[in-house]
Amino acid sequence: MAKLFERLANEDWNKDDDKSKKKQDANFVACSERTTSEKDKFDEYEKKYGKAKVDECCEKVKAPRSRVEFEKCLEEK
């Protein structure tokens, strides 16, 4: 039993943490991660709506930002 605990304690849990966070975070927008994990999505938003509108919605929709609410903001004229 001690060997099992030792093995578990020494495993790299970051990979598992990242997987669970990605599932959980899929429903939220992190404006602070525009140049990292959210870069591709923000590139799409900026191409479709423009950088100024994306910046406006990052300010207007407060964290934690629901992806649905953020995209509603983008759609507003």
N, C-alpha and C. Protein backbone atom coordinates (compact mmCIF):
# COMPACT_ATOMS: atom_id res chain seq x y z
N MET A 1 0.82 -1.19 0.00
CA MET A 1 0.00 0.00 0.00
C MET A 1 0.87 1.26 0.00
N ALA A 2 1.95 1.23 0.75
CA ALA A 2 2.85 2.38 0.81
C ALA A 2 3.45 2.67 -0.56
N LYS A 3 3.73 1.63 -1.32
CA LYS A 3 4.28 1.81 -2.68
C LYS A 3 3.28 2.53 -3.57
N LEU A 4 2.00 2.18 -3.45
CA LEU A 4 0.95 2.83 -4.24
C LEU A 4 0.90 4.31 -3.93
N PHE A 5 0.90 4.67 -2.66
CA PHE A 5 0.85 6.08 -2.27
C PHE A 5 2.09 6.82 -2.75
N GLU A 6 3.21 6.18 -2.68
CA GLU A 6 4.46 6.80 -3.13
C GLU A 6 4.40 7.05 -4.64
N ARG A 7 3.90 6.07 -5.37
CA ARG A 7 3.79 6.22 -6.83
C ARG A 7 2.81 7.35 -7.18
N LEU A 8 1.67 7.38 -6.51
CA LEU A 8 0.68 8.43 -6.77
C LEU A 8 1.23 9.81 -6.42
N ALA A 9 1.96 9.89 -5.35
CA ALA A 9 2.53 11.18 -4.93
C ALA A 9 3.57 11.69 -5.92
N ASN A 10 4.23 10.78 -6.61
CA ASN A 10 5.28 11.18 -7.55
C ASN A 10 4.82 11.32 -8.99
N GLU A 11 3.55 11.02 -9.27
CA GLU A 11 3.04 11.14 -10.64
C GLU A 11 2.87 12.60 -11.03
N ASP A 12 2.93 12.84 -12.33
CA ASP A 12 2.69 14.19 -12.86
C ASP A 12 1.18 14.37 -13.04
N TRP A 13 0.58 15.17 -12.19
CA TRP A 13 -0.87 15.39 -12.23
C TRP A 13 -1.26 16.55 -13.14
N ASN A 14 -0.30 17.31 -13.64
CA ASN A 14 -0.62 18.47 -14.47
C ASN A 14 -1.43 18.09 -15.70
N LYS A 15 -1.07 16.98 -16.34
CA LYS A 15 -1.77 16.55 -17.54
C LYS A 15 -3.25 16.31 -17.22
N ASP A 16 -3.54 15.61 -16.13
CA ASP A 16 -4.93 15.35 -15.73
C ASP A 16 -5.64 16.63 -15.34
N ASP A 17 -4.95 17.50 -14.63
CA ASP A 17 -5.54 18.79 -14.24
C ASP A 17 -5.90 19.60 -15.48
N ASP A 18 -5.00 19.64 -16.46
CA ASP A 18 -5.24 20.39 -17.69
C ASP A 18 -6.45 19.85 -18.43
N LYS A 19 -6.59 18.52 -18.50
CA LYS A 19 -7.74 17.93 -19.18
C LYS A 19 -9.04 18.34 -18.52
N SER A 20 -9.11 18.27 -17.20
CA SER A 20 -10.35 18.61 -16.51
C SER A 20 -10.64 20.10 -16.62
N LYS A 21 -9.61 20.94 -16.58
CA LYS A 21 -9.81 22.38 -16.71
C LYS A 21 -10.35 22.73 -18.09
N LYS A 22 -9.82 22.08 -19.13
CA LYS A 22 -10.28 22.38 -20.49
C LYS A 22 -11.76 22.08 -20.64
N LYS A 23 -12.23 20.97 -20.07
CA LYS A 23 -13.66 20.65 -20.13
C LYS A 23 -14.46 21.69 -19.36
N GLN A 24 -14.00 22.04 -18.18
CA GLN A 24 -14.69 23.00 -17.33
C GLN A 24 -14.63 24.40 -17.95
N ASP A 25 -13.47 24.79 -18.44
CA ASP A 25 -13.26 26.13 -18.97
C ASP A 25 -13.89 26.34 -20.34
N ALA A 26 -14.35 25.30 -20.98
CA ALA A 26 -14.92 25.43 -22.32
C ALA A 26 -16.13 26.35 -22.32
N ASN A 27 -16.78 26.51 -21.20
CA ASN A 27 -17.97 27.36 -21.11
C ASN A 27 -17.65 28.80 -20.74
N PHE A 28 -16.37 29.12 -20.59
CA PHE A 28 -15.97 30.45 -20.16
C PHE A 28 -14.92 31.03 -21.09
N VAL A 29 -14.82 32.35 -21.10
CA VAL A 29 -13.82 33.07 -21.89
C VAL A 29 -12.85 33.73 -20.93
N ALA A 30 -11.57 33.53 -21.17
CA ALA A 30 -10.53 34.14 -20.33
C ALA A 30 -9.79 35.19 -21.15
N CYS A 31 -10.20 36.43 -21.02
CA CYS A 31 -9.55 37.51 -21.78
C CYS A 31 -8.09 37.65 -21.41
N SER A 32 -7.73 37.25 -20.22
CA SER A 32 -6.33 37.33 -19.79
C SER A 32 -5.46 36.30 -20.51
N GLU A 33 -6.09 35.34 -21.19
CA GLU A 33 -5.34 34.29 -21.88
C GLU A 33 -5.41 34.44 -23.40
N ARG A 34 -5.58 35.67 -23.86
CA ARG A 34 -5.73 35.93 -25.29
C ARG A 34 -4.52 35.52 -26.11
N THR A 35 -3.36 35.47 -25.50
CA THR A 35 -2.15 35.12 -26.25
C THR A 35 -1.67 33.72 -25.94
N THR A 36 -2.42 32.98 -25.12
CA THR A 36 -1.98 31.61 -24.77
C THR A 36 -3.05 30.61 -25.17
N SER A 37 -3.70 30.00 -24.20
CA SER A 37 -4.63 28.90 -24.47
C SER A 37 -5.86 29.32 -25.26
N GLU A 38 -6.26 30.57 -25.18
CA GLU A 38 -7.45 31.05 -25.89
C GLU A 38 -7.10 31.75 -27.21
N LYS A 39 -5.85 31.73 -27.62
CA LYS A 39 -5.41 32.51 -28.77
C LYS A 39 -6.21 32.23 -30.05
N ASP A 40 -6.39 30.96 -30.38
CA ASP A 40 -7.11 30.63 -31.61
C ASP A 40 -8.54 31.18 -31.61
N LYS A 41 -9.20 31.03 -30.48
CA LYS A 41 -10.59 31.52 -30.40
C LYS A 41 -10.63 33.04 -30.49
N PHE A 42 -9.69 33.71 -29.83
CA PHE A 42 -9.68 35.18 -29.90
C PHE A 42 -9.31 35.66 -31.31
N ASP A 43 -8.46 34.93 -32.01
CA ASP A 43 -8.16 35.28 -33.40
C ASP A 43 -9.43 35.22 -34.24
N GLU A 44 -10.26 34.19 -34.02
CA GLU A 44 -11.54 34.06 -34.73
C GLU A 44 -12.46 35.23 -34.38
N TYR A 45 -12.58 35.54 -33.08
CA TYR A 45 -13.44 36.65 -32.65
C TYR A 45 -12.98 37.97 -33.30
N GLU A 46 -11.68 38.24 -33.26
CA GLU A 46 -11.17 39.50 -33.81
C GLU A 46 -11.37 39.58 -35.31
N LYS A 47 -11.23 38.48 -36.00
CA LYS A 47 -11.44 38.46 -37.45
C LYS A 47 -12.90 38.76 -37.79
N LYS A 48 -13.80 38.17 -37.00
CA LYS A 48 -15.24 38.32 -37.28
C LYS A 48 -15.81 39.65 -36.78
N TYR A 49 -15.38 40.09 -35.58
CA TYR A 49 -16.00 41.26 -34.95
C TYR A 49 -15.10 42.47 -34.84
N GLY A 50 -13.80 42.28 -34.97
CA GLY A 50 -12.84 43.38 -34.82
C GLY A 50 -12.28 43.43 -33.41
N LYS A 51 -11.05 43.89 -33.33
CA LYS A 51 -10.34 43.93 -32.04
C LYS A 51 -11.03 44.87 -31.05
N ALA A 52 -11.55 46.00 -31.53
CA ALA A 52 -12.19 46.97 -30.64
C ALA A 52 -13.42 46.36 -29.96
N LYS A 53 -14.21 45.59 -30.70
CA LYS A 53 -15.41 44.97 -30.13
C LYS A 53 -15.03 43.90 -29.11
N VAL A 54 -13.99 43.12 -29.41
CA VAL A 54 -13.53 42.10 -28.47
C VAL A 54 -13.03 42.77 -27.18
N ASP A 55 -12.26 43.84 -27.32
CA ASP A 55 -11.78 44.57 -26.14
C ASP A 55 -12.96 45.10 -25.32
N GLU A 56 -13.96 45.65 -26.01
CA GLU A 56 -15.14 46.19 -25.34
C GLU A 56 -15.86 45.11 -24.53
N CYS A 57 -16.01 43.92 -25.11
CA CYS A 57 -16.72 42.84 -24.42
C CYS A 57 -15.89 42.26 -23.28
N CYS A 58 -14.57 42.30 -23.41
CA CYS A 58 -13.73 41.86 -22.29
C CYS A 58 -13.92 42.78 -21.10
N GLU A 59 -14.15 44.05 -21.36
CA GLU A 59 -14.41 45.01 -20.27
C GLU A 59 -15.84 44.91 -19.76
N LYS A 60 -16.78 44.76 -20.67
CA LYS A 60 -18.20 44.80 -20.33
C LYS A 60 -18.66 43.54 -19.59
N VAL A 61 -18.26 42.36 -20.06
CA VAL A 61 -18.66 41.10 -19.43
C VAL A 61 -17.61 40.75 -18.39
N LYS A 62 -18.01 40.78 -17.15
CA LYS A 62 -17.08 40.58 -16.04
C LYS A 62 -16.76 39.11 -15.81
N ALA A 63 -15.55 38.85 -15.36
CA ALA A 63 -15.09 37.49 -15.07
C ALA A 63 -15.82 36.94 -13.85
N PRO A 64 -16.08 35.66 -13.80
CA PRO A 64 -15.83 34.68 -14.85
C PRO A 64 -16.82 34.89 -16.00
N ARG A 65 -16.28 35.01 -17.20
CA ARG A 65 -17.09 35.34 -18.37
C ARG A 65 -17.71 34.09 -18.99
N SER A 66 -19.00 34.01 -18.95
CA SER A 66 -19.70 32.93 -19.64
C SER A 66 -19.46 33.11 -21.14
N ARG A 67 -19.10 32.04 -21.83
CA ARG A 67 -18.87 32.13 -23.28
C ARG A 67 -20.14 32.59 -23.98
N VAL A 68 -21.31 32.14 -23.51
CA VAL A 68 -22.58 32.53 -24.11
C VAL A 68 -22.78 34.04 -23.96
N GLU A 69 -22.57 34.57 -22.76
CA GLU A 69 -22.74 36.01 -22.53
C GLU A 69 -21.72 36.82 -23.31
N PHE A 70 -20.50 36.33 -23.38
CA PHE A 70 -19.46 37.03 -24.13
C PHE A 70 -19.83 37.10 -25.61
N GLU A 71 -20.30 36.00 -26.17
CA GLU A 71 -20.66 35.98 -27.59
C GLU A 71 -21.91 36.81 -27.85
N LYS A 72 -22.84 36.89 -26.88
CA LYS A 72 -23.99 37.78 -27.02
C LYS A 72 -23.51 39.22 -27.11
N CYS A 73 -22.53 39.57 -26.29
CA CYS A 73 -21.97 40.92 -26.31
C CYS A 73 -21.36 41.21 -27.67
N LEU A 74 -20.64 40.26 -28.21
CA LEU A 74 -20.02 40.44 -29.53
C LEU A 74 -21.07 40.68 -30.62
N GLU A 75 -22.20 40.02 -30.50
CA GLU A 75 -23.26 40.13 -31.51
C GLU A 75 -24.01 41.46 -31.43
N GLU A 76 -23.96 42.13 -30.26
CA GLU A 76 -24.66 43.41 -30.11
C GLU A 76 -24.07 44.47 -31.03
N LYS A 77 -24.92 45.29 -31.55
CA LYS A 77 -24.45 46.40 -32.42
C LYS A 77 -24.15 47.62 -31.62
